[in-house]
């Protein structure tokens, strides 16, 4: 029981980080900025943000959704994406035991979080056709990974 709780909490924290990365990646690609640049800054005043202002969800709440320096509003989309990623990862940890399926769900979760952030930023309304295409693509990408993990489990058990 204690192990399940720790695994779930760790997965939730990792999901927050993945959600933050998805937000950053989506913003930088949309704005045609360098993805490899590791500095975060306010898009309004261009002030470089210290690490304590970059804690997923918590910083947004403590700063009441505004930049510390120029008080410009920060979109609520950012903490929503981060919290959603955290929930996806925590659920994947709860649903699956130590199996290849957990890795597949987490891989799918990362892609879903990025796509959701990207669609929200572009104000694209999801349609059944788009969602079906995304799910089929995810399934196609995850089958080789799941098969490889299955073979690894078989090899380790023998």
N, C-alpha and C. Protein backbone atom coordinates (compact mmCIF):
# COMPACT_ATOMS: atom_id res chain seq x y z
N UNK A 1 0.82 -1.20 0.00
CA UNK A 1 0.00 0.00 0.00
C UNK A 1 0.87 1.26 0.00
N UNK A 2 1.91 1.25 0.87
CA UNK A 2 2.79 2.41 0.95
C UNK A 2 3.52 2.61 -0.39
N UNK A 3 3.91 1.50 -1.02
CA UNK A 3 4.60 1.56 -2.30
C UNK A 3 3.68 2.17 -3.37
N UNK A 4 2.41 1.78 -3.37
CA UNK A 4 1.45 2.31 -4.35
C UNK A 4 1.28 3.82 -4.16
N UNK A 5 1.20 4.27 -2.92
CA UNK A 5 1.05 5.70 -2.64
C UNK A 5 2.28 6.48 -3.11
N UNK A 6 3.47 5.97 -2.80
CA UNK A 6 4.69 6.65 -3.23
C UNK A 6 4.80 6.69 -4.76
N UNK A 7 4.47 5.57 -5.41
CA UNK A 7 4.52 5.52 -6.87
C UNK A 7 3.53 6.51 -7.48
N UNK A 8 2.35 6.62 -6.89
CA UNK A 8 1.33 7.53 -7.40
C UNK A 8 1.76 8.98 -7.20
N UNK A 9 2.29 9.32 -6.03
CA UNK A 9 2.76 10.68 -5.78
C UNK A 9 3.92 11.06 -6.68
N UNK A 10 4.86 10.13 -6.86
CA UNK A 10 5.99 10.39 -7.75
C UNK A 10 5.50 10.60 -9.18
N UNK A 11 4.57 9.77 -9.62
CA UNK A 11 4.03 9.90 -10.97
C UNK A 11 3.29 11.22 -11.15
N UNK A 12 2.54 11.64 -10.13
CA UNK A 12 1.83 12.92 -10.19
C UNK A 12 2.82 14.08 -10.29
N UNK A 13 3.90 14.03 -9.51
CA UNK A 13 4.91 15.09 -9.57
C UNK A 13 5.60 15.08 -10.94
N UNK A 14 5.89 13.90 -11.46
CA UNK A 14 6.50 13.81 -12.78
C UNK A 14 5.54 14.34 -13.84
N UNK A 15 4.26 14.09 -13.68
CA UNK A 15 3.26 14.62 -14.60
C UNK A 15 3.23 16.14 -14.60
N UNK A 16 3.41 16.76 -13.43
CA UNK A 16 3.48 18.23 -13.37
C UNK A 16 4.64 18.75 -14.21
N UNK A 17 5.77 18.06 -14.10
CA UNK A 17 6.95 18.47 -14.87
C UNK A 17 6.69 18.29 -16.37
N UNK A 18 6.09 17.16 -16.75
CA UNK A 18 5.78 16.92 -18.17
C UNK A 18 4.79 17.97 -18.67
N UNK A 19 3.79 18.32 -17.87
CA UNK A 19 2.83 19.35 -18.25
C UNK A 19 3.51 20.70 -18.45
N UNK A 20 4.44 21.02 -17.58
CA UNK A 20 5.19 22.27 -17.70
C UNK A 20 6.02 22.26 -18.98
N UNK A 21 6.67 21.13 -19.26
CA UNK A 21 7.46 21.00 -20.49
C UNK A 21 6.57 21.09 -21.73
N UNK A 22 5.39 20.50 -21.66
CA UNK A 22 4.45 20.56 -22.80
C UNK A 22 4.02 22.00 -23.06
N UNK A 23 3.74 22.75 -21.99
CA UNK A 23 3.39 24.17 -22.14
C UNK A 23 4.53 24.96 -22.78
N UNK A 24 5.73 24.74 -22.27
CA UNK A 24 6.90 25.46 -22.77
C UNK A 24 7.16 25.12 -24.23
N UNK A 25 7.12 23.84 -24.55
CA UNK A 25 7.36 23.40 -25.92
C UNK A 25 6.32 23.98 -26.87
N UNK A 26 5.07 23.92 -26.47
CA UNK A 26 4.00 24.44 -27.31
C UNK A 26 4.17 25.94 -27.54
N UNK A 27 4.47 26.69 -26.48
CA UNK A 27 4.64 28.14 -26.61
C UNK A 27 5.82 28.48 -27.52
N UNK A 28 6.93 27.79 -27.31
CA UNK A 28 8.13 28.10 -28.10
C UNK A 28 7.96 27.72 -29.57
N UNK A 29 7.31 26.60 -29.85
CA UNK A 29 7.08 26.22 -31.24
C UNK A 29 6.10 27.20 -31.91
N UNK A 30 5.06 27.58 -31.20
CA UNK A 30 4.06 28.50 -31.74
C UNK A 30 4.67 29.88 -31.99
N UNK A 31 5.57 30.31 -31.11
CA UNK A 31 6.19 31.62 -31.24
C UNK A 31 7.46 31.60 -32.08
N UNK A 32 7.80 30.43 -32.60
CA UNK A 32 9.01 30.24 -33.41
C UNK A 32 10.27 30.66 -32.65
N UNK A 33 10.34 30.26 -31.38
CA UNK A 33 11.52 30.51 -30.54
C UNK A 33 12.36 29.25 -30.48
N UNK A 34 13.60 29.39 -30.06
CA UNK A 34 14.48 28.23 -29.94
C UNK A 34 13.99 27.32 -28.82
N UNK A 35 13.82 26.05 -29.14
CA UNK A 35 13.37 25.08 -28.14
C UNK A 35 14.49 24.79 -27.15
N UNK A 36 15.72 24.90 -27.58
CA UNK A 36 16.86 24.56 -26.73
C UNK A 36 17.21 25.65 -25.71
N UNK A 37 16.63 26.82 -25.83
CA UNK A 37 16.88 27.90 -24.88
C UNK A 37 16.27 27.52 -23.54
N UNK A 38 17.09 27.50 -22.49
CA UNK A 38 16.58 27.03 -21.20
C UNK A 38 16.12 28.15 -20.27
N UNK A 39 16.05 29.38 -20.76
CA UNK A 39 15.60 30.46 -19.88
C UNK A 39 14.11 30.73 -20.10
N UNK A 40 13.41 30.93 -19.00
CA UNK A 40 11.99 31.27 -19.06
C UNK A 40 11.84 32.74 -18.68
N UNK A 41 10.93 33.41 -19.35
CA UNK A 41 10.73 34.83 -19.10
C UNK A 41 9.27 35.18 -19.35
N UNK A 42 8.87 36.32 -18.82
CA UNK A 42 7.53 36.84 -19.04
C UNK A 42 7.45 37.33 -20.48
N UNK A 43 6.44 36.90 -21.24
CA UNK A 43 6.34 37.36 -22.62
C UNK A 43 5.98 38.84 -22.76
N UNK A 44 5.51 39.48 -21.69
CA UNK A 44 5.13 40.89 -21.75
C UNK A 44 6.32 41.79 -21.41
N UNK A 45 6.91 41.60 -20.21
CA UNK A 45 8.00 42.47 -19.78
C UNK A 45 9.39 41.89 -20.07
N UNK A 46 9.46 40.64 -20.49
CA UNK A 46 10.71 39.95 -20.84
C UNK A 46 11.64 39.74 -19.65
N UNK A 47 11.14 39.85 -18.44
CA UNK A 47 11.97 39.63 -17.26
C UNK A 47 12.22 38.12 -17.12
N UNK A 48 13.48 37.74 -16.91
CA UNK A 48 13.83 36.33 -16.73
C UNK A 48 13.26 35.85 -15.40
N UNK A 49 12.57 34.71 -15.44
CA UNK A 49 11.91 34.20 -14.24
C UNK A 49 12.86 33.33 -13.42
N UNK A 50 12.95 33.58 -12.12
CA UNK A 50 13.75 32.71 -11.27
C UNK A 50 13.05 31.36 -11.08
N UNK A 51 13.79 30.39 -10.60
CA UNK A 51 13.24 29.03 -10.45
C UNK A 51 12.00 29.00 -9.56
N UNK A 52 11.97 29.80 -8.50
CA UNK A 52 10.82 29.74 -7.59
C UNK A 52 9.54 30.27 -8.24
N UNK A 53 9.64 30.94 -9.38
CA UNK A 53 8.45 31.38 -10.11
C UNK A 53 8.06 30.40 -11.21
N UNK A 54 8.75 29.27 -11.28
CA UNK A 54 8.49 28.30 -12.33
C UNK A 54 7.98 26.97 -11.80
N UNK A 55 7.55 26.90 -10.57
CA UNK A 55 7.04 25.67 -9.99
C UNK A 55 5.64 25.43 -10.55
N UNK A 56 5.44 24.30 -11.23
CA UNK A 56 4.13 24.06 -11.87
C UNK A 56 2.97 24.20 -10.89
N UNK A 57 1.92 24.85 -11.30
CA UNK A 57 0.67 25.10 -10.60
C UNK A 57 0.86 25.96 -9.35
N UNK A 58 1.80 25.62 -8.49
CA UNK A 58 1.99 26.32 -7.22
C UNK A 58 2.36 27.79 -7.46
N UNK A 59 3.29 28.06 -8.38
CA UNK A 59 3.68 29.44 -8.65
C UNK A 59 2.51 30.25 -9.19
N UNK A 60 1.72 29.62 -10.05
CA UNK A 60 0.55 30.30 -10.61
C UNK A 60 -0.40 30.72 -9.48
N UNK A 61 -0.64 29.82 -8.54
CA UNK A 61 -1.55 30.11 -7.44
C UNK A 61 -0.97 31.18 -6.50
N UNK A 62 0.31 31.06 -6.18
CA UNK A 62 0.93 32.04 -5.28
C UNK A 62 0.99 33.43 -5.88
N UNK A 63 1.19 33.50 -7.20
CA UNK A 63 1.26 34.80 -7.88
C UNK A 63 -0.11 35.28 -8.35
N UNK A 64 -1.14 34.49 -8.03
CA UNK A 64 -2.53 34.81 -8.39
C UNK A 64 -2.70 35.05 -9.89
N UNK A 65 -1.98 34.23 -10.68
CA UNK A 65 -2.13 34.27 -12.12
C UNK A 65 -1.57 35.51 -12.79
N UNK A 66 -0.58 36.15 -12.16
CA UNK A 66 0.01 37.35 -12.74
C UNK A 66 1.53 37.29 -12.65
N UNK A 67 2.19 38.00 -13.56
CA UNK A 67 3.65 38.11 -13.51
C UNK A 67 4.05 38.88 -12.25
N UNK A 68 5.07 38.42 -11.57
CA UNK A 68 5.55 39.07 -10.36
C UNK A 68 6.06 40.49 -10.64
N UNK A 69 6.58 40.73 -11.84
CA UNK A 69 7.28 41.97 -12.13
C UNK A 69 6.41 43.03 -12.81
N UNK A 70 5.60 42.62 -13.79
CA UNK A 70 4.78 43.62 -14.49
C UNK A 70 3.29 43.45 -14.22
N UNK A 71 2.93 42.43 -13.47
CA UNK A 71 1.54 42.13 -13.08
C UNK A 71 0.65 41.78 -14.28
N UNK A 72 1.24 41.43 -15.41
CA UNK A 72 0.46 41.01 -16.58
C UNK A 72 -0.20 39.67 -16.27
N UNK A 73 -1.43 39.47 -16.72
CA UNK A 73 -2.11 38.20 -16.44
C UNK A 73 -1.45 37.02 -17.18
N UNK A 74 -1.46 35.86 -16.52
CA UNK A 74 -0.95 34.62 -17.10
C UNK A 74 -2.17 33.76 -17.40
N UNK A 75 -2.21 33.18 -18.57
CA UNK A 75 -3.36 32.37 -18.98
C UNK A 75 -3.56 31.20 -18.01
N UNK A 76 -4.81 30.94 -17.62
CA UNK A 76 -5.08 29.78 -16.76
C UNK A 76 -4.85 28.45 -17.48
N UNK A 77 -4.64 28.51 -18.80
CA UNK A 77 -4.38 27.29 -19.56
C UNK A 77 -3.12 26.58 -19.04
N UNK A 78 -2.13 27.34 -18.60
CA UNK A 78 -0.87 26.74 -18.16
C UNK A 78 -1.04 25.83 -16.94
N UNK A 79 -1.64 26.29 -15.84
CA UNK A 79 -1.82 25.36 -14.71
C UNK A 79 -2.83 24.25 -15.01
N UNK A 80 -3.78 24.50 -15.90
CA UNK A 80 -4.74 23.45 -16.25
C UNK A 80 -4.03 22.31 -16.97
N UNK A 81 -3.15 22.64 -17.91
CA UNK A 81 -2.39 21.60 -18.62
C UNK A 81 -1.49 20.86 -17.64
N UNK A 82 -0.82 21.59 -16.74
CA UNK A 82 0.08 20.95 -15.77
C UNK A 82 -0.69 20.02 -14.83
N UNK A 83 -1.83 20.48 -14.32
CA UNK A 83 -2.63 19.65 -13.41
C UNK A 83 -3.22 18.44 -14.15
N UNK A 84 -3.61 18.63 -15.40
CA UNK A 84 -4.15 17.51 -16.18
C UNK A 84 -3.09 16.45 -16.40
N UNK A 85 -1.89 16.88 -16.73
CA UNK A 85 -0.79 15.92 -16.91
C UNK A 85 -0.52 15.18 -15.61
N UNK A 86 -0.56 15.89 -14.51
CA UNK A 86 -0.34 15.26 -13.21
C UNK A 86 -1.39 14.18 -12.94
N UNK A 87 -2.65 14.50 -13.25
CA UNK A 87 -3.73 13.52 -13.03
C UNK A 87 -3.58 12.31 -13.95
N UNK A 88 -3.21 12.54 -15.21
CA UNK A 88 -3.02 11.43 -16.14
C UNK A 88 -1.94 10.48 -15.63
N UNK A 89 -0.83 11.05 -15.19
CA UNK A 89 0.28 10.21 -14.71
C UNK A 89 -0.08 9.50 -13.41
N UNK A 90 -0.77 10.18 -12.51
CA UNK A 90 -1.19 9.53 -11.26
C UNK A 90 -2.17 8.40 -11.54
N UNK A 91 -3.11 8.62 -12.44
CA UNK A 91 -4.06 7.55 -12.79
C UNK A 91 -3.37 6.37 -13.45
N UNK A 92 -2.40 6.65 -14.31
CA UNK A 92 -1.65 5.56 -14.95
C UNK A 92 -0.92 4.73 -13.90
N UNK A 93 -0.38 5.40 -12.87
CA UNK A 93 0.31 4.68 -11.80
C UNK A 93 -0.67 3.86 -10.96
N UNK A 94 -1.87 4.39 -10.74
CA UNK A 94 -2.87 3.66 -9.95
C UNK A 94 -3.47 2.48 -10.71
N UNK A 95 -3.73 2.68 -12.00
CA UNK A 95 -4.41 1.65 -12.79
C UNK A 95 -3.51 0.46 -13.07
N UNK A 96 -2.27 0.73 -13.35
CA UNK A 96 -1.37 -0.35 -13.77
C UNK A 96 -0.39 -0.69 -12.68
N UNK A 97 -0.07 -1.94 -12.63
CA UNK A 97 1.01 -2.36 -11.74
C UNK A 97 2.31 -2.14 -12.50
N UNK A 98 3.37 -2.77 -12.07
CA UNK A 98 4.65 -2.63 -12.77
C UNK A 98 4.58 -3.45 -14.05
N UNK A 99 4.06 -2.84 -15.08
CA UNK A 99 3.90 -3.56 -16.34
C UNK A 99 4.20 -2.67 -17.52
N UNK A 100 4.28 -3.30 -18.66
CA UNK A 100 4.53 -2.56 -19.90
C UNK A 100 3.35 -1.64 -20.21
N UNK A 101 2.16 -2.01 -19.77
CA UNK A 101 0.98 -1.20 -20.07
C UNK A 101 1.09 0.16 -19.38
N UNK A 102 1.68 0.21 -18.19
CA UNK A 102 1.88 1.48 -17.51
C UNK A 102 2.77 2.40 -18.31
N UNK A 103 3.84 1.86 -18.88
CA UNK A 103 4.74 2.67 -19.71
C UNK A 103 4.01 3.18 -20.95
N UNK A 104 3.17 2.34 -21.53
CA UNK A 104 2.42 2.74 -22.72
C UNK A 104 1.44 3.86 -22.36
N UNK A 105 0.73 3.71 -21.24
CA UNK A 105 -0.21 4.76 -20.82
C UNK A 105 0.49 6.07 -20.55
N UNK A 106 1.65 6.00 -19.92
CA UNK A 106 2.39 7.22 -19.63
C UNK A 106 2.89 7.86 -20.92
N UNK A 107 3.35 7.05 -21.86
CA UNK A 107 3.77 7.58 -23.15
C UNK A 107 2.62 8.25 -23.88
N UNK A 108 1.47 7.61 -23.86
CA UNK A 108 0.27 8.20 -24.48
C UNK A 108 -0.13 9.48 -23.74
N UNK A 109 -0.02 9.46 -22.43
CA UNK A 109 -0.39 10.62 -21.63
C UNK A 109 0.43 11.84 -21.99
N UNK A 110 1.74 11.66 -22.19
CA UNK A 110 2.60 12.78 -22.55
C UNK A 110 2.19 13.37 -23.89
N UNK A 111 1.89 12.52 -24.85
CA UNK A 111 1.49 13.00 -26.18
C UNK A 111 0.13 13.69 -26.10
N UNK A 112 -0.79 13.13 -25.35
CA UNK A 112 -2.12 13.72 -25.22
C UNK A 112 -2.04 15.10 -24.57
N UNK A 113 -1.21 15.23 -23.54
CA UNK A 113 -1.06 16.52 -22.87
C UNK A 113 -0.50 17.56 -23.84
N UNK A 114 0.52 17.19 -24.61
CA UNK A 114 1.09 18.15 -25.57
C UNK A 114 0.05 18.54 -26.62
N UNK A 115 -0.66 17.56 -27.16
CA UNK A 115 -1.66 17.86 -28.19
C UNK A 115 -2.79 18.72 -27.63
N UNK A 116 -3.21 18.45 -26.41
CA UNK A 116 -4.27 19.25 -25.80
C UNK A 116 -3.81 20.69 -25.60
N UNK A 117 -2.57 20.86 -25.14
CA UNK A 117 -2.03 22.21 -24.95
C UNK A 117 -1.93 22.94 -26.29
N UNK A 118 -1.49 22.23 -27.28
CA UNK A 118 -1.35 22.83 -28.61
C UNK A 118 -2.71 23.23 -29.19
N UNK A 119 -3.69 22.34 -29.04
CA UNK A 119 -5.03 22.64 -29.56
C UNK A 119 -5.67 23.79 -28.79
N UNK A 120 -5.45 23.85 -27.48
CA UNK A 120 -6.02 24.93 -26.68
C UNK A 120 -5.40 26.28 -27.05
N UNK A 121 -4.09 26.28 -27.27
CA UNK A 121 -3.42 27.53 -27.61
C UNK A 121 -3.87 28.06 -28.97
N UNK A 122 -4.17 27.16 -29.87
CA UNK A 122 -4.60 27.57 -31.20
C UNK A 122 -6.12 27.69 -31.31
N UNK A 123 -6.80 27.43 -30.20
CA UNK A 123 -8.26 27.47 -30.14
C UNK A 123 -8.90 26.57 -31.19
N UNK A 124 -8.29 25.38 -31.35
CA UNK A 124 -8.81 24.38 -32.28
C UNK A 124 -9.86 23.57 -31.54
N UNK A 125 -11.04 23.47 -32.10
CA UNK A 125 -12.07 22.67 -31.48
C UNK A 125 -11.88 21.21 -31.88
N UNK A 126 -11.77 20.33 -30.90
CA UNK A 126 -11.56 18.92 -31.25
C UNK A 126 -12.81 18.32 -31.89
N UNK A 127 -12.60 17.58 -32.94
CA UNK A 127 -13.71 16.88 -33.58
C UNK A 127 -13.47 15.39 -33.41
N UNK A 128 -14.51 14.61 -33.65
CA UNK A 128 -14.40 13.16 -33.52
C UNK A 128 -13.34 12.62 -34.47
N UNK A 129 -13.25 13.17 -35.67
CA UNK A 129 -12.28 12.71 -36.65
C UNK A 129 -10.85 12.99 -36.18
N UNK A 130 -10.61 14.19 -35.63
CA UNK A 130 -9.28 14.53 -35.13
C UNK A 130 -8.90 13.63 -33.95
N UNK A 131 -9.82 13.45 -33.03
CA UNK A 131 -9.53 12.62 -31.86
C UNK A 131 -9.29 11.16 -32.24
N UNK A 132 -10.06 10.66 -33.20
CA UNK A 132 -9.84 9.30 -33.67
C UNK A 132 -8.46 9.17 -34.30
N UNK A 133 -8.08 10.16 -35.09
CA UNK A 133 -6.75 10.14 -35.71
C UNK A 133 -5.64 10.17 -34.68
N UNK A 134 -5.81 10.99 -33.65
CA UNK A 134 -4.80 11.07 -32.59
C UNK A 134 -4.70 9.73 -31.86
N UNK A 135 -5.83 9.14 -31.51
CA UNK A 135 -5.81 7.87 -30.79
C UNK A 135 -5.20 6.75 -31.62
N UNK A 136 -5.54 6.69 -32.90
CA UNK A 136 -4.95 5.66 -33.77
C UNK A 136 -3.44 5.87 -33.93
N UNK A 137 -3.03 7.12 -34.03
CA UNK A 137 -1.60 7.40 -34.13
C UNK A 137 -0.88 6.99 -32.85
N UNK A 138 -1.47 7.32 -31.71
CA UNK A 138 -0.87 6.92 -30.43
C UNK A 138 -0.77 5.41 -30.32
N UNK A 139 -1.81 4.73 -30.70
CA UNK A 139 -1.80 3.27 -30.65
C UNK A 139 -0.70 2.73 -31.56
N UNK A 140 -0.59 3.27 -32.75
CA UNK A 140 0.43 2.83 -33.69
C UNK A 140 1.83 3.08 -33.18
N UNK A 141 2.03 4.18 -32.47
CA UNK A 141 3.35 4.49 -31.93
C UNK A 141 3.67 3.64 -30.70
N UNK A 142 2.66 3.27 -29.94
CA UNK A 142 2.91 2.59 -28.67
C UNK A 142 3.01 1.07 -28.80
N UNK A 143 2.47 0.49 -29.86
CA UNK A 143 2.53 -0.97 -30.00
C UNK A 143 3.97 -1.48 -30.01
N UNK A 144 4.88 -0.89 -30.82
CA UNK A 144 6.27 -1.38 -30.78
C UNK A 144 6.92 -1.22 -29.41
N UNK A 145 6.61 -0.13 -28.72
CA UNK A 145 7.18 0.09 -27.39
C UNK A 145 6.67 -0.97 -26.42
N UNK A 146 5.37 -1.22 -26.44
CA UNK A 146 4.78 -2.22 -25.55
C UNK A 146 5.35 -3.60 -25.85
N UNK A 147 5.50 -3.93 -27.13
CA UNK A 147 6.04 -5.24 -27.50
C UNK A 147 7.48 -5.37 -27.01
N UNK A 148 8.27 -4.32 -27.18
CA UNK A 148 9.66 -4.35 -26.70
C UNK A 148 9.73 -4.51 -25.19
N UNK A 149 8.87 -3.81 -24.46
CA UNK A 149 8.85 -3.96 -23.00
C UNK A 149 8.38 -5.36 -22.59
N UNK A 150 7.44 -5.91 -23.33
CA UNK A 150 6.98 -7.27 -23.05
C UNK A 150 8.14 -8.24 -23.23
N UNK A 151 8.88 -8.11 -24.33
CA UNK A 151 10.04 -9.00 -24.56
C UNK A 151 11.09 -8.83 -23.47
N UNK A 152 11.30 -7.59 -23.01
CA UNK A 152 12.24 -7.35 -21.93
C UNK A 152 11.78 -8.03 -20.65
N UNK A 153 10.49 -7.95 -20.33
CA UNK A 153 9.96 -8.63 -19.14
C UNK A 153 10.13 -10.13 -19.24
N UNK A 154 9.86 -10.69 -20.41
CA UNK A 154 10.01 -12.14 -20.61
C UNK A 154 11.47 -12.54 -20.43
N UNK A 155 12.39 -11.74 -21.00
CA UNK A 155 13.81 -12.05 -20.90
C UNK A 155 14.29 -11.97 -19.45
N UNK A 156 13.78 -11.00 -18.69
CA UNK A 156 14.20 -10.87 -17.30
C UNK A 156 13.63 -11.96 -16.42
N UNK A 157 12.46 -12.49 -16.76
CA UNK A 157 11.84 -13.54 -15.96
C UNK A 157 12.50 -14.90 -16.20
N UNK A 158 13.11 -15.09 -17.34
CA UNK A 158 13.74 -16.39 -17.66
C UNK A 158 15.19 -16.41 -17.29
